[in-house]
Amino acid sequence: VHVVLPIVSVAAIVSRGSVRLIDDISVLRS
């Protein structure tokens, strides 16, 4: 994720086959 974090605007966090979170990257960061 550290490769793509600087370039994405929206991220979906998937863990063990389930979507844990989808949000604007600025919200996720802060």
PDB file of all heavy atoms in Angstrom:
ATOM      1  N   VAL A   1       0.803  -1.217   0.000  1.00  0.00           N
ATOM      2  CA  VAL A   1       0.000   0.000   0.000  1.00  0.00           C
ATOM      3  C   VAL A   1       0.841   1.275   0.000  1.00  0.00           C
ATOM      4  O   VAL A   1       0.394   2.305  -0.480  1.00  0.00           O
ATOM      5  CB  VAL A   1      -1.007   0.045   1.174  1.00  0.00           C
ATOM      6  CG1 VAL A   1      -2.020  -1.061   1.038  1.00  0.00           C
ATOM      7  CG2 VAL A   1      -0.309   0.000   2.504  1.00  0.00           C
ATOM      8  N   HIS A   2       2.043   1.195   0.506  1.00  0.00           N
ATOM      9  CA  HIS A   2       2.875   2.391   0.562  1.00  0.00           C
ATOM     10  C   HIS A   2       3.286   2.862  -0.832  1.00  0.00           C
ATOM     11  O   HIS A   2       3.613   4.022  -1.013  1.00  0.00           O
ATOM     12  CB  HIS A   2       4.083   2.152   1.460  1.00  0.00           C
ATOM     13  CG  HIS A   2       3.670   1.781   2.854  1.00  0.00           C
ATOM     14  ND1 HIS A   2       3.062   2.681   3.705  1.00  0.00           N
ATOM     15  CD2 HIS A   2       3.712   0.602   3.517  1.00  0.00           C
ATOM     16  CE1 HIS A   2       2.769   2.072   4.848  1.00  0.00           C
ATOM     17  NE2 HIS A   2       3.140   0.812   4.755  1.00  0.00           N
ATOM     18  N   VAL A   3       3.235   1.972  -1.808  1.00  0.00           N
ATOM     19  CA  VAL A   3       3.518   2.348  -3.187  1.00  0.00           C
ATOM     20  C   VAL A   3       2.368   3.180  -3.757  1.00  0.00           C
ATOM     21  O   VAL A   3       2.585   4.163  -4.447  1.00  0.00           O
ATOM     22  CB  VAL A   3       3.752   1.092  -4.064  1.00  0.00           C
ATOM     23  CG1 VAL A   3       3.785   1.439  -5.541  1.00  0.00           C
ATOM     24  CG2 VAL A   3       5.036   0.399  -3.651  1.00  0.00           C
ATOM     25  N   VAL A   4       1.130   2.793  -3.450  1.00  0.00           N
ATOM     26  CA  VAL A   4      -0.020   3.442  -4.078  1.00  0.00           C
ATOM     27  C   VAL A   4      -0.668   4.545  -3.250  1.00  0.00           C
ATOM     28  O   VAL A   4      -1.392   5.361  -3.796  1.00  0.00           O
ATOM     29  CB  VAL A   4      -1.093   2.405  -4.493  1.00  0.00           C
ATOM     30  CG1 VAL A   4      -0.579   1.518  -5.599  1.00  0.00           C
ATOM     31  CG2 VAL A   4      -1.578   1.603  -3.328  1.00  0.00           C
ATOM     32  N   LEU A   5      -0.412   4.584  -1.964  1.00  0.00           N
ATOM     33  CA  LEU A   5      -1.050   5.617  -1.130  1.00  0.00           C
ATOM     34  C   LEU A   5      -0.845   7.038  -1.645  1.00  0.00           C
ATOM     35  O   LEU A   5      -1.788   7.830  -1.641  1.00  0.00           O
ATOM     36  CB  LEU A   5      -0.581   5.520   0.317  1.00  0.00           C
ATOM     37  CG  LEU A   5      -1.260   4.442   1.147  1.00  0.00           C
ATOM     38  CD1 LEU A   5      -0.682   4.430   2.555  1.00  0.00           C
ATOM     39  CD2 LEU A   5      -2.754   4.625   1.187  1.00  0.00           C
ATOM     40  N   PRO A   6       0.350   7.397  -2.101  1.00  0.00           N
ATOM     41  CA  PRO A   6       0.528   8.773  -2.574  1.00  0.00           C
ATOM     42  C   PRO A   6      -0.230   9.107  -3.855  1.00  0.00           C
ATOM     43  O   PRO A   6      -0.375  10.265  -4.199  1.00  0.00           O
ATOM     44  CB  PRO A   6       2.040   8.879  -2.822  1.00  0.00           C
ATOM     45  CG  PRO A   6       2.651   7.758  -2.073  1.00  0.00           C
ATOM     46  CD  PRO A   6       1.621   6.674  -2.034  1.00  0.00           C
ATOM     47  N   ILE A   7      -0.725   8.102  -4.561  1.00  0.00           N
ATOM     48  CA  ILE A   7      -1.334   8.384  -5.857  1.00  0.00           C
ATOM     49  C   ILE A   7      -2.840   8.155  -5.902  1.00  0.00           C
ATOM     50  O   ILE A   7      -3.480   8.499  -6.880  1.00  0.00           O
ATOM     51  CB  ILE A   7      -0.668   7.558  -6.980  1.00  0.00           C
ATOM     52  CG1 ILE A   7      -0.916   6.063  -6.799  1.00  0.00           C
ATOM     53  CG2 ILE A   7       0.804   7.862  -7.078  1.00  0.00           C
ATOM     54  CD1 ILE A   7      -0.563   5.227  -7.999  1.00  0.00           C
ATOM     55  N   VAL A   8      -3.426   7.562  -4.859  1.00  0.00           N
ATOM     56  CA  VAL A   8      -4.850   7.237  -4.923  1.00  0.00           C
ATOM     57  C   VAL A   8      -5.715   8.350  -4.339  1.00  0.00           C
ATOM     58  O   VAL A   8      -5.270   9.130  -3.508  1.00  0.00           O
ATOM     59  CB  VAL A   8      -5.171   5.905  -4.199  1.00  0.00           C
ATOM     60  CG1 VAL A   8      -4.418   4.758  -4.836  1.00  0.00           C
ATOM     61  CG2 VAL A   8      -4.882   5.976  -2.724  1.00  0.00           C
ATOM     62  N   SER A   9      -6.966   8.388  -4.799  1.00  0.00           N
ATOM     63  CA  SER A   9      -7.915   9.341  -4.236  1.00  0.00           C
ATOM     64  C   SER A   9      -8.950   8.632  -3.363  1.00  0.00           C
ATOM     65  O   SER A   9      -9.466   9.217  -2.420  1.00  0.00           O
ATOM     66  CB  SER A   9      -8.611  10.131  -5.349  1.00  0.00           C
ATOM     67  OG  SER A   9      -9.241   9.244  -6.244  1.00  0.00           O
ATOM     68  N   VAL A  10      -9.234   7.376  -3.675  1.00  0.00           N
ATOM     69  CA  VAL A  10     -10.162   6.572  -2.895  1.00  0.00           C
ATOM     70  C   VAL A  10      -9.494   5.225  -2.649  1.00  0.00           C
ATOM     71  O   VAL A  10      -8.852   4.674  -3.546  1.00  0.00           O
ATOM     72  CB  VAL A  10     -11.503   6.353  -3.647  1.00  0.00           C
ATOM     73  CG1 VAL A  10     -12.415   5.415  -2.879  1.00  0.00           C
ATOM     74  CG2 VAL A  10     -12.186   7.675  -3.912  1.00  0.00           C
ATOM     75  N   ALA A  11      -9.637   4.704  -1.436  1.00  0.00           N
ATOM     76  CA  ALA A  11      -9.049   3.405  -1.115  1.00  0.00           C
ATOM     77  C   ALA A  11     -10.107   2.478  -0.543  1.00  0.00           C
ATOM     78  O   ALA A  11     -10.994   2.915   0.190  1.00  0.00           O
ATOM     79  CB  ALA A  11      -7.910   3.574  -0.103  1.00  0.00           C
ATOM     80  N   ALA A  12      -9.980   1.217  -0.894  1.00  0.00           N
ATOM     81  CA  ALA A  12     -10.797   0.168  -0.294  1.00  0.00           C
ATOM     82  C   ALA A  12      -9.837  -0.757   0.428  1.00  0.00           C
ATOM     83  O   ALA A  12      -8.898  -1.274  -0.175  1.00  0.00           O
ATOM     84  CB  ALA A  12     -11.580  -0.593  -1.352  1.00  0.00           C
ATOM     85  N   ILE A  13     -10.055  -0.944   1.704  1.00  0.00           N
ATOM     86  CA  ILE A  13      -9.221  -1.831   2.494  1.00  0.00           C
ATOM     87  C   ILE A  13      -9.916  -3.191   2.545  1.00  0.00           C
ATOM     88  O   ILE A  13     -11.051  -3.301   3.029  1.00  0.00           O
ATOM     89  CB  ILE A  13      -9.018  -1.296   3.935  1.00  0.00           C
ATOM     90  CG1 ILE A  13      -8.541   0.155   3.929  1.00  0.00           C
ATOM     91  CG2 ILE A  13      -8.094  -2.209   4.719  1.00  0.00           C
ATOM     92  CD1 ILE A  13      -7.214   0.394   3.277  1.00  0.00           C
ATOM     93  N   VAL A  14      -9.249  -4.223   2.027  1.00  0.00           N
ATOM     94  CA  VAL A  14      -9.795  -5.574   1.997  1.00  0.00           C
ATOM     95  C   VAL A  14      -8.911  -6.446   2.881  1.00  0.00           C
ATOM     96  O   VAL A  14      -7.694  -6.455   2.741  1.00  0.00           O
ATOM     97  CB  VAL A  14      -9.831  -6.132   0.563  1.00  0.00           C
ATOM     98  CG1 VAL A  14     -10.383  -7.549   0.548  1.00  0.00           C
ATOM     99  CG2 VAL A  14     -10.629  -5.221  -0.347  1.00  0.00           C
ATOM    100  N   SER A  15      -9.533  -7.157   3.800  1.00  0.00           N
ATOM    101  CA  SER A  15      -8.800  -8.040   4.690  1.00  0.00           C
ATOM    102  C   SER A  15      -9.537  -9.365   4.786  1.00  0.00           C
ATOM    103  O   SER A  15     -10.743  -9.391   5.046  1.00  0.00           O
ATOM    104  CB  SER A  15      -8.683  -7.405   6.081  1.00  0.00           C
ATOM    105  OG  SER A  15      -8.027  -8.270   6.979  1.00  0.00           O
ATOM    106  N   ARG A  16      -8.807 -10.438   4.538  1.00  0.00           N
ATOM    107  CA  ARG A  16      -9.366 -11.788   4.598  1.00  0.00           C
ATOM    108  C   ARG A  16     -10.630 -11.940   3.752  1.00  0.00           C
ATOM    109  O   ARG A  16     -11.631 -12.520   4.175  1.00  0.00           O
ATOM    110  CB  ARG A  16      -9.627 -12.194   6.040  1.00  0.00           C
ATOM    111  CG  ARG A  16      -8.340 -12.268   6.836  1.00  0.00           C
ATOM    112  CD  ARG A  16      -8.565 -12.788   8.226  1.00  0.00           C
ATOM    113  NE  ARG A  16      -7.267 -12.881   8.876  1.00  0.00           N
ATOM    114  CZ  ARG A  16      -6.967 -12.251   9.995  1.00  0.00           C
ATOM    115  NH1 ARG A  16      -7.860 -11.515  10.605  1.00  0.00           N
ATOM    116  NH2 ARG A  16      -5.766 -12.371  10.510  1.00  0.00           N
ATOM    117  N   GLY A  17     -10.600 -11.349   2.580  1.00  0.00           N
ATOM    118  CA  GLY A  17     -11.696 -11.486   1.639  1.00  0.00           C
ATOM    119  C   GLY A  17     -12.884 -10.582   1.862  1.00  0.00           C
ATOM    120  O   GLY A  17     -13.857 -10.646   1.122  1.00  0.00           O
ATOM    121  N   SER A  18     -12.823  -9.711   2.859  1.00  0.00           N
ATOM    122  CA  SER A  18     -13.946  -8.808   3.128  1.00  0.00           C
ATOM    123  C   SER A  18     -13.498  -7.364   3.039  1.00  0.00           C
ATOM    124  O   SER A  18     -12.407  -7.012   3.496  1.00  0.00           O
ATOM    125  CB  SER A  18     -14.500  -9.048   4.538  1.00  0.00           C
ATOM    126  OG  SER A  18     -14.999 -10.356   4.654  1.00  0.00           O
ATOM    127  N   VAL A  19     -14.353  -6.541   2.484  1.00  0.00           N
ATOM    128  CA  VAL A  19     -14.075  -5.107   2.427  1.00  0.00           C
ATOM    129  C   VAL A  19     -14.288  -4.535   3.817  1.00  0.00           C
ATOM    130  O   VAL A  19     -15.384  -4.609   4.364  1.00  0.00           O
ATOM    131  CB  VAL A  19     -14.985  -4.396   1.399  1.00  0.00           C
ATOM    132  CG1 VAL A  19     -14.729  -2.899   1.413  1.00  0.00           C
ATOM    133  CG2 VAL A  19     -14.770  -4.968   0.008  1.00  0.00           C
ATOM    134  N   ARG A  20     -13.225  -3.995   4.385  1.00  0.00           N
ATOM    135  CA  ARG A  20     -13.314  -3.429   5.730  1.00  0.00           C
ATOM    136  C   ARG A  20     -13.693  -1.961   5.691  1.00  0.00           C
ATOM    137  O   ARG A  20     -14.306  -1.453   6.618  1.00  0.00           O
ATOM    138  CB  ARG A  20     -11.984  -3.596   6.464  1.00  0.00           C
ATOM    139  CG  ARG A  20     -11.713  -5.068   6.738  1.00  0.00           C
ATOM    140  CD  ARG A  20     -10.636  -5.338   7.722  1.00  0.00           C
ATOM    141  NE  ARG A  20     -10.679  -4.532   8.915  1.00  0.00           N
ATOM    142  CZ  ARG A  20      -9.620  -4.292   9.681  1.00  0.00           C
ATOM    143  NH1 ARG A  20      -8.448  -4.788   9.356  1.00  0.00           N
ATOM    144  NH2 ARG A  20      -9.727  -3.558  10.759  1.00  0.00           N
ATOM    145  N   LEU A  21     -13.301  -1.266   4.619  1.00  0.00           N
ATOM    146  CA  LEU A  21     -13.538   0.172   4.573  1.00  0.00           C
ATOM    147  C   LEU A  21     -13.324   0.686   3.160  1.00  0.00           C
ATOM    148  O   LEU A  21     -12.414   0.237   2.465  1.00  0.00           O
ATOM    149  CB  LEU A  21     -12.548   0.869   5.522  1.00  0.00           C
ATOM    150  CG  LEU A  21     -12.669   2.366   5.697  1.00  0.00           C
ATOM    151  CD1 LEU A  21     -13.970   2.706   6.415  1.00  0.00           C
ATOM    152  CD2 LEU A  21     -11.493   2.873   6.497  1.00  0.00           C
ATOM    153  N   ILE A  22     -14.158   1.609   2.735  1.00  0.00           N
ATOM    154  CA  ILE A  22     -13.963   2.346   1.485  1.00  0.00           C
ATOM    155  C   ILE A  22     -14.157   3.807   1.827  1.00  0.00           C
ATOM    156  O   ILE A  22     -15.179   4.188   2.402  1.00  0.00           O
ATOM    157  CB  ILE A  22     -14.976   1.946   0.394  1.00  0.00           C
ATOM    158  CG1 ILE A  22     -14.842   0.472   0.029  1.00  0.00           C
ATOM    159  CG2 ILE A  22     -14.783   2.819  -0.848  1.00  0.00           C
ATOM    160  CD1 ILE A  22     -15.878  -0.017  -0.955  1.00  0.00           C
ATOM    161  N   ASP A  23     -13.166   4.619   1.487  1.00  0.00           N
ATOM    162  CA  ASP A  23     -13.289   6.043   1.809  1.00  0.00           C
ATOM    163  C   ASP A  23     -12.291   6.848   0.991  1.00  0.00           C
ATOM    164  O   ASP A  23     -11.350   6.299   0.409  1.00  0.00           O
ATOM    165  CB  ASP A  23     -13.044   6.277   3.298  1.00  0.00           C
ATOM    166  CG  ASP A  23     -13.884   7.432   3.848  1.00  0.00           C
ATOM    167  OD1 ASP A  23     -14.200   8.371   3.084  1.00  0.00           O
ATOM    168  OD2 ASP A  23     -14.218   7.379   5.037  1.00  0.00           O
ATOM    169  N   ASP A  24     -12.499   8.147   1.002  1.00  0.00           N
ATOM    170  CA  ASP A  24     -11.566   9.088   0.411  1.00  0.00           C
ATOM    171  C   ASP A  24     -10.242   8.971   1.156  1.00  0.00           C
ATOM    172  O   ASP A  24     -10.212   8.887   2.378  1.00  0.00           O
ATOM    173  CB  ASP A  24     -12.135  10.509   0.532  1.00  0.00           C
ATOM    174  CG  ASP A  24     -11.231  11.515  -0.116  1.00  0.00           C
ATOM    175  OD1 ASP A  24     -10.333  12.034   0.578  1.00  0.00           O
ATOM    176  OD2 ASP A  24     -11.425  11.772  -1.316  1.00  0.00           O
ATOM    177  N   ILE A  25      -9.152   8.967   0.433  1.00  0.00           N
ATOM    178  CA  ILE A  25      -7.847   8.745   1.052  1.00  0.00           C
ATOM    179  C   ILE A  25      -7.496   9.833   2.063  1.00  0.00           C
ATOM    180  O   ILE A  25      -6.878   9.538   3.090  1.00  0.00           O
ATOM    181  CB  ILE A  25      -6.739   8.565  -0.010  1.00  0.00           C
ATOM    182  CG1 ILE A  25      -5.466   7.986   0.622  1.00  0.00           C
ATOM    183  CG2 ILE A  25      -6.453   9.853  -0.718  1.00  0.00           C
ATOM    184  CD1 ILE A  25      -5.631   6.596   1.145  1.00  0.00           C
ATOM    185  N   SER A  26      -7.912  11.059   1.824  1.00  0.00           N
ATOM    186  CA  SER A  26      -7.597  12.125   2.783  1.00  0.00           C
ATOM    187  C   SER A  26      -8.295  11.869   4.120  1.00  0.00           C
ATOM    188  O   SER A  26      -7.736  12.143   5.181  1.00  0.00           O
ATOM    189  CB  SER A  26      -7.977  13.498   2.228  1.00  0.00           C
ATOM    190  OG  SER A  26      -9.361  13.553   1.974  1.00  0.00           O
ATOM    191  N   VAL A  27      -9.492  11.331   4.074  1.00  0.00           N
ATOM    192  CA  VAL A  27     -10.213  10.992   5.302  1.00  0.00           C
ATOM    193  C   VAL A  27      -9.496   9.855   6.024  1.00  0.00           C
ATOM    194  O   VAL A  27      -9.311   9.883   7.238  1.00  0.00           O
ATOM    195  CB  VAL A  27     -11.686  10.616   5.001  1.00  0.00           C
ATOM    196  CG1 VAL A  27     -12.382  10.083   6.232  1.00  0.00           C
ATOM    197  CG2 VAL A  27     -12.433  11.805   4.426  1.00  0.00           C
ATOM    198  N   LEU A  28      -9.090   8.857   5.254  1.00  0.00           N
ATOM    199  CA  LEU A  28      -8.385   7.727   5.856  1.00  0.00           C
ATOM    200  C   LEU A  28      -7.071   8.161   6.501  1.00  0.00           C
ATOM    201  O   LEU A  28      -6.731   7.711   7.585  1.00  0.00           O
ATOM    202  CB  LEU A  28      -8.106   6.652   4.804  1.00  0.00           C
ATOM    203  CG  LEU A  28      -9.315   5.888   4.292  1.00  0.00           C
ATOM    204  CD1 LEU A  28      -8.916   4.967   3.159  1.00  0.00           C
ATOM    205  CD2 LEU A  28      -9.962   5.102   5.411  1.00  0.00           C
ATOM    206  N   ARG A  29      -6.359   9.032   5.827  1.00  0.00           N
ATOM    207  CA  ARG A  29      -5.070   9.474   6.367  1.00  0.00           C
ATOM    208  C   ARG A  29      -5.232  10.272   7.651  1.00  0.00           C
ATOM    209  O   ARG A  29      -4.485  10.093   8.599  1.00  0.00           O
ATOM    210  CB  ARG A  29      -4.352  10.346   5.342  1.00  0.00           C
ATOM    211  CG  ARG A  29      -3.656   9.584   4.270  1.00  0.00           C
ATOM    212  CD  ARG A  29      -2.762  10.517   3.468  1.00  0.00           C
ATOM    213  NE  ARG A  29      -2.202   9.810   2.355  1.00  0.00           N
ATOM    214  CZ  ARG A  29      -2.387  10.131   1.092  1.00  0.00           C
ATOM    215  NH1 ARG A  29      -3.118  11.187   0.778  1.00  0.00           N
ATOM    216  NH2 ARG A  29      -1.853   9.433   0.135  1.00  0.00           N
ATOM    217  N   SER A  30      -6.194  11.163   7.672  1.00  0.00           N
ATOM    218  CA  SER A  30      -6.289  12.090   8.791  1.00  0.00           C
ATOM    219  C   SER A  30      -7.171  11.596   9.933  1.00  0.00           C
ATOM    220  O   SER A  30      -6.806  11.702  11.088  1.00  0.00           O
ATOM    221  CB  SER A  30      -6.796  13.445   8.309  1.00  0.00           C
ATOM    222  OG  SER A  30      -8.094  13.304   7.774  1.00  0.00           O
TER     223      SER A  30
END
